Protein backbone atom coordinates (compact mmCIF):
# COMPACT_ATOMS: atom_id res chain seq x y z
CA MET A 1 -0.13 -0.01 -0.33
CA LYS A 2 1.46 3.28 -1.02
CA LYS A 3 2.33 5.90 1.85
CA GLY A 4 0.32 8.84 2.50
CA LEU A 5 -2.60 7.53 0.55
CA VAL A 6 -4.26 10.50 -0.95
CA VAL A 7 -8.00 10.63 0.00
CA ALA A 8 -10.70 14.05 -0.88
CA ALA A 9 -10.67 17.29 0.38
CA LEU A 10 -13.78 18.01 2.83
CA LEU A 11 -16.20 20.37 4.62
CA GLY A 12 -18.33 19.60 6.72
CA MET A 13 -19.66 16.37 8.72
CA ALA A 14 -19.62 13.31 7.79
CA ALA A 15 -21.83 10.72 9.25
CA ARG A 16 -22.05 7.23 9.88
CA ALA A 17 -25.29 5.41 9.28
CA ALA A 18 -24.97 3.56 12.36
CA ALA A 19 -25.61 6.34 14.48
CA HIS A 20 -24.34 10.29 14.64
CA ASP A 21 -20.91 11.31 13.99
CA PHE A 22 -18.89 13.43 16.07
CA TRP A 23 -17.18 16.58 16.27
CA ILE A 24 -16.21 19.90 17.69
CA GLU A 25 -17.18 23.11 16.56
CA LYS A 26 -16.29 26.78 17.68
CA LYS A 27 -19.34 29.74 17.54
CA GLY A 28 -18.83 32.64 19.42
CA GLY A 29 -16.56 32.36 23.04
CA ALA A 30 -17.13 28.21 23.33
CA PHE A 31 -16.04 25.01 21.02
CA PHE A 32 -18.93 22.97 21.11
CA VAL A 33 -18.91 19.04 21.31
CA VAL A 34 -21.68 17.83 18.60
CA SER A 35 -23.46 14.97 17.31
CA GLY A 36 -25.30 14.72 14.51
CA HIS A 37 -24.96 15.15 10.66
CA GLU A 38 -23.95 17.70 7.95
CA GLY A 39 -26.03 21.52 9.15
CA LYS A 40 -27.44 19.32 11.99
CA TRP A 41 -26.73 19.15 16.03
CA ASP A 42 -28.95 16.87 17.47
CA PRO A 43 -29.15 16.31 21.42
CA TYR A 44 -27.56 13.81 23.69
CA GLU A 45 -26.75 12.88 27.02
CA PRO A 46 -24.15 15.22 28.16
CA SER A 47 -23.06 12.56 30.97
CA ARG A 48 -21.47 10.50 27.85
CA ILE A 49 -18.67 13.15 27.87
CA LYS A 50 -16.26 11.62 29.85
CA GLU A 51 -12.84 13.27 29.57
CA VAL A 52 -12.41 17.28 28.47
CA HIS A 53 -9.15 18.48 28.10
CA ALA A 54 -7.70 21.98 26.68
CA TYR A 55 -3.99 22.88 25.70
CA GLY A 56 -2.15 26.20 25.10
CA VAL A 57 -0.25 27.13 22.61
CA THR A 58 2.96 25.63 24.15
CA GLY A 59 0.75 22.33 24.30
CA ARG A 60 0.49 22.06 27.63
CA ASP A 61 -2.53 21.16 29.70
CA VAL A 62 -4.84 24.13 30.75
CA ALA A 63 -8.25 23.63 32.92
CA PRO A 64 -11.15 23.48 30.58
CA ALA A 65 -14.14 25.09 31.46
CA VAL A 66 -16.67 22.66 30.86
CA LYS A 67 -20.67 23.79 30.68
CA ARG A 68 -22.66 20.80 30.44
CA GLU A 69 -26.60 21.91 29.15
CA LYS A 70 -29.63 19.61 29.09
CA ASP A 71 -28.48 18.22 25.65
CA ILE A 72 -25.06 19.62 24.59
CA VAL A 73 -21.42 20.00 26.27
CA SER A 74 -19.64 23.50 25.48
CA ILE A 75 -15.74 24.62 26.86
CA GLU A 76 -15.09 28.01 26.81
CA ALA A 77 -12.62 29.34 24.30
CA GLY A 78 -10.81 31.33 26.55
CA LYS A 79 -7.79 33.37 25.08
CA ASN A 80 -5.09 30.41 26.46
CA VAL A 81 -7.08 28.01 24.68
CA ALA A 82 -5.43 26.73 21.42
CA ALA A 83 -6.99 22.94 21.44
CA VAL A 84 -9.54 21.02 23.13
CA THR A 85 -9.92 17.15 22.94
CA VAL A 86 -12.97 15.09 24.18
CA PHE A 87 -14.10 11.72 24.64
CA MET A 88 -17.86 10.49 24.24
CA ASP A 89 -18.61 7.05 25.61
CA ASN A 90 -21.59 6.20 22.84
CA LYS A 91 -22.76 2.99 24.37
CA PHE A 92 -24.30 -0.10 22.50
CA TRP A 93 -25.29 0.08 18.85
CA VAL A 94 -27.57 -2.66 17.27
CA SER A 95 -28.10 -2.60 14.04
CA SER A 96 -30.99 -4.94 12.63
CA THR A 97 -33.80 -5.10 10.14
CA ASP A 98 -35.11 -2.50 12.29
CA GLY A 99 -32.74 0.44 12.06
CA TRP A 100 -30.00 1.43 14.69
CA LYS A 101 -31.16 1.21 18.19
CA ASN A 102 -29.23 2.32 21.28
CA ILE A 103 -28.75 -0.85 23.19
CA THR A 104 -26.49 -3.93 23.59
CA LYS A 105 -26.69 -7.36 21.91
CA ARG A 106 -28.38 -8.37 25.08
CA GLU A 107 -31.28 -6.21 24.56
CA ALA A 108 -31.39 -7.04 20.92
CA GLN A 109 -32.28 -10.50 21.57
CA LYS A 110 -34.61 -9.96 24.18
CA GLN A 111 -36.86 -8.15 21.75
CA SER A 112 -35.37 -10.64 19.01
CA LEU A 113 -34.61 -8.44 16.56
CA GLN A 114 -32.97 -9.46 13.81
CA ILE A 115 -29.36 -8.77 14.43
CA LEU A 116 -27.09 -7.83 11.47
CA GLU A 117 -24.53 -5.74 13.49
CA THR A 118 -23.66 -4.81 16.81
CA GLY A 119 -21.09 -2.79 18.48
CA GLU A 120 -19.38 -0.26 21.67
CA SER A 121 -19.16 3.25 20.74
CA TYR A 122 -16.18 5.24 21.35
CA LYS A 123 -15.33 8.72 19.90
CA TYR A 124 -12.51 10.86 20.16
CA GLY A 125 -13.04 14.74 18.90
CA LYS A 126 -10.27 17.27 18.39
CA TYR A 127 -10.33 20.88 17.66
CA ILE A 128 -7.39 22.98 16.48
CA ASP A 129 -8.05 26.82 17.38
CA ALA A 130 -4.31 28.20 17.46
CA TRP A 131 -1.07 26.05 16.23
CA SER A 132 1.72 24.71 18.04
CA ASN A 133 4.21 22.57 17.05
CA ARG A 134 2.94 20.10 19.87
CA PHE A 135 0.28 19.75 17.83
CA SER A 136 2.02 18.01 15.06
CA LYS A 137 2.61 14.95 17.74
CA PRO A 138 -0.31 12.89 19.49
CA LEU A 139 -2.19 13.95 22.58
CA GLY A 140 -2.80 10.64 23.92
CA THR A 141 -6.48 10.14 23.45
CA LYS A 142 -7.33 6.41 22.69
CA MET A 143 -8.12 6.84 18.78
CA GLU A 144 -6.47 10.30 17.78
CA VAL A 145 -6.03 12.23 14.32
CA VAL A 146 -2.57 13.58 14.33
CA PRO A 147 -1.88 16.59 11.72
CA LEU A 148 1.33 16.48 10.23
CA ALA A 149 1.51 19.76 9.30
CA ASN A 150 -0.11 23.24 10.77
CA PRO A 151 -3.90 22.85 9.14
CA LEU A 152 -4.36 26.45 10.12
CA ALA A 153 -1.81 27.86 7.52
CA LEU A 154 -3.08 25.96 4.25
CA LYS A 155 -5.35 26.69 1.59
CA ALA A 156 -7.95 25.35 -0.95
CA GLY A 157 -6.08 23.17 -2.82
CA ASP A 158 -3.67 22.01 -0.38
CA THR A 159 -2.07 18.84 1.44
CA LEU A 160 -2.08 18.14 4.65
CA PRO A 161 -1.04 14.39 5.86
CA VAL A 162 -2.32 13.36 8.70
CA GLN A 163 -1.42 10.07 11.16
CA VAL A 164 -4.32 7.96 13.08
CA LEU A 165 -2.71 6.50 16.00
CA LEU A 166 -4.97 3.92 17.96
CA ASP A 167 -3.36 3.07 21.53
CA GLY A 168 -0.15 5.51 20.44
CA LYS A 169 0.69 3.07 17.44
CA PRO A 170 -0.23 3.66 13.49
CA LEU A 171 -3.30 2.60 12.62
CA GLU A 172 -3.27 0.72 9.11
CA SER A 173 -6.75 0.40 7.11
CA ALA A 174 -8.39 3.04 8.93
CA SER A 175 -11.60 4.26 6.94
CA VAL A 176 -11.14 7.93 6.32
CA SER A 177 -14.48 10.45 5.72
CA THR A 178 -14.16 13.35 3.68
CA ASN A 179 -17.38 14.99 3.14
CA GLY A 180 -21.33 14.97 4.12
CA ALA A 181 -21.83 11.40 2.49
CA HIS A 182 -21.55 8.32 4.41
CA ALA A 183 -18.75 6.62 1.88
CA GLU A 184 -15.62 5.76 2.78
CA ALA A 185 -13.35 7.77 0.65
CA GLY A 186 -10.11 6.12 1.29
CA LYS A 187 -8.03 4.22 4.41
CA THR A 188 -4.43 4.86 5.99
CA ASP A 189 -1.45 3.11 5.13
CA LYS A 190 0.80 0.73 6.66
CA GLU A 191 1.96 4.14 8.79
CA GLY A 192 -1.58 5.32 9.55
CA VAL A 193 -0.84 8.01 7.08
CA ALA A 194 -3.34 10.10 4.37
CA ARG A 195 -3.22 12.89 2.65
CA VAL A 196 -6.41 14.83 2.89
CA VAL A 197 -7.25 17.86 0.21
CA ILE A 198 -8.18 20.86 1.61
CA GLY A 199 -11.50 21.69 0.10
CA LYS A 200 -11.97 25.17 0.29
CA ALA A 201 -11.45 28.31 3.44
CA GLY A 202 -14.10 27.30 6.53
CA PRO A 203 -14.39 24.89 8.78
CA ASN A 204 -13.34 21.17 7.56
CA LEU A 205 -13.15 17.77 9.33
CA VAL A 206 -11.25 14.71 9.01
CA SER A 207 -12.83 11.66 10.12
CA ALA A 208 -11.00 8.38 10.66
CA SER A 209 -13.36 5.33 11.68
CA THR A 210 -12.30 1.70 12.83
CA LYS A 211 -13.56 -1.82 14.24
CA VAL A 212 -12.20 -3.84 16.96
CA PRO A 213 -13.91 -7.28 17.34
CA TYR A 214 -14.70 -8.47 20.68
CA ARG A 215 -14.28 -11.70 22.52
CA ASP A 216 -16.98 -13.47 24.21
CA ASN A 217 -18.54 -10.27 24.81
CA PRO A 218 -22.38 -10.67 25.70
CA ASP A 219 -22.84 -7.12 24.51
CA ALA A 220 -21.40 -6.35 21.54
CA ASP A 221 -19.63 -8.26 19.10
CA GLY A 222 -16.59 -5.47 18.75
CA LEU A 223 -16.04 -1.71 19.60
CA TYR A 224 -16.57 0.98 17.37
CA LEU A 225 -13.75 3.75 17.44
CA LYS A 226 -13.85 7.27 15.82
CA ALA A 227 -11.59 9.97 15.69
CA THR A 228 -11.97 13.50 13.71
CA LEU A 229 -9.85 16.56 14.00
CA ALA A 230 -11.27 19.86 13.04
CA PHE A 231 -10.15 23.33 11.72
CA VAL A 232 -10.89 26.49 9.94
CA ALA A 233 -8.92 26.78 7.16
CA THR A 234 -8.45 30.84 6.43
CA ARG A 235 -7.24 30.95 2.80
């Protein structure tokens, strides 16, 4: 497989049909942790957001000011905050002939559903608001999309190399999403690298996903993992 698999540009929020996509979006003086689809924020249980970290331009941790409302979580975009990361435990999902349901495999069996696919869902979001060379290295989430160059300095048509990591190691064959459609745009190479072409100025999102099989777990056949990198290309 070639190093630096070239995939398409993206603007907006791609979503897996299984559930909702997950990203961080800056509006006004806050970073909002969003679940939904392109152009639509959907409610979720704020308790599902298990970890929030904020970083200054030096890359060091700063204390995040987290606000949990009825159906969304936000983080104050203070002057010292250059990047934020979040972890969502999105619990269990079952795909059946009746569609996707946010339940365990055992619950689906009790309901006599015709099961097509099951999984537990973990989602990791990252937003870069100001650049530091520290951000070209992993920040430590279980699954992570790491920009290997400053995405904020790019313009439409430029290429951004990213590396997808799982437990700190390059993740080969991670599915990369690049637009509002559900279709896969490409996969990472053996070094976890993909190259994303910036479509135009404005909000951009790089999404990577994979599934890790479980053994002898009565509630799910595997773990769905999704990581997103959001930023604004200013040119």
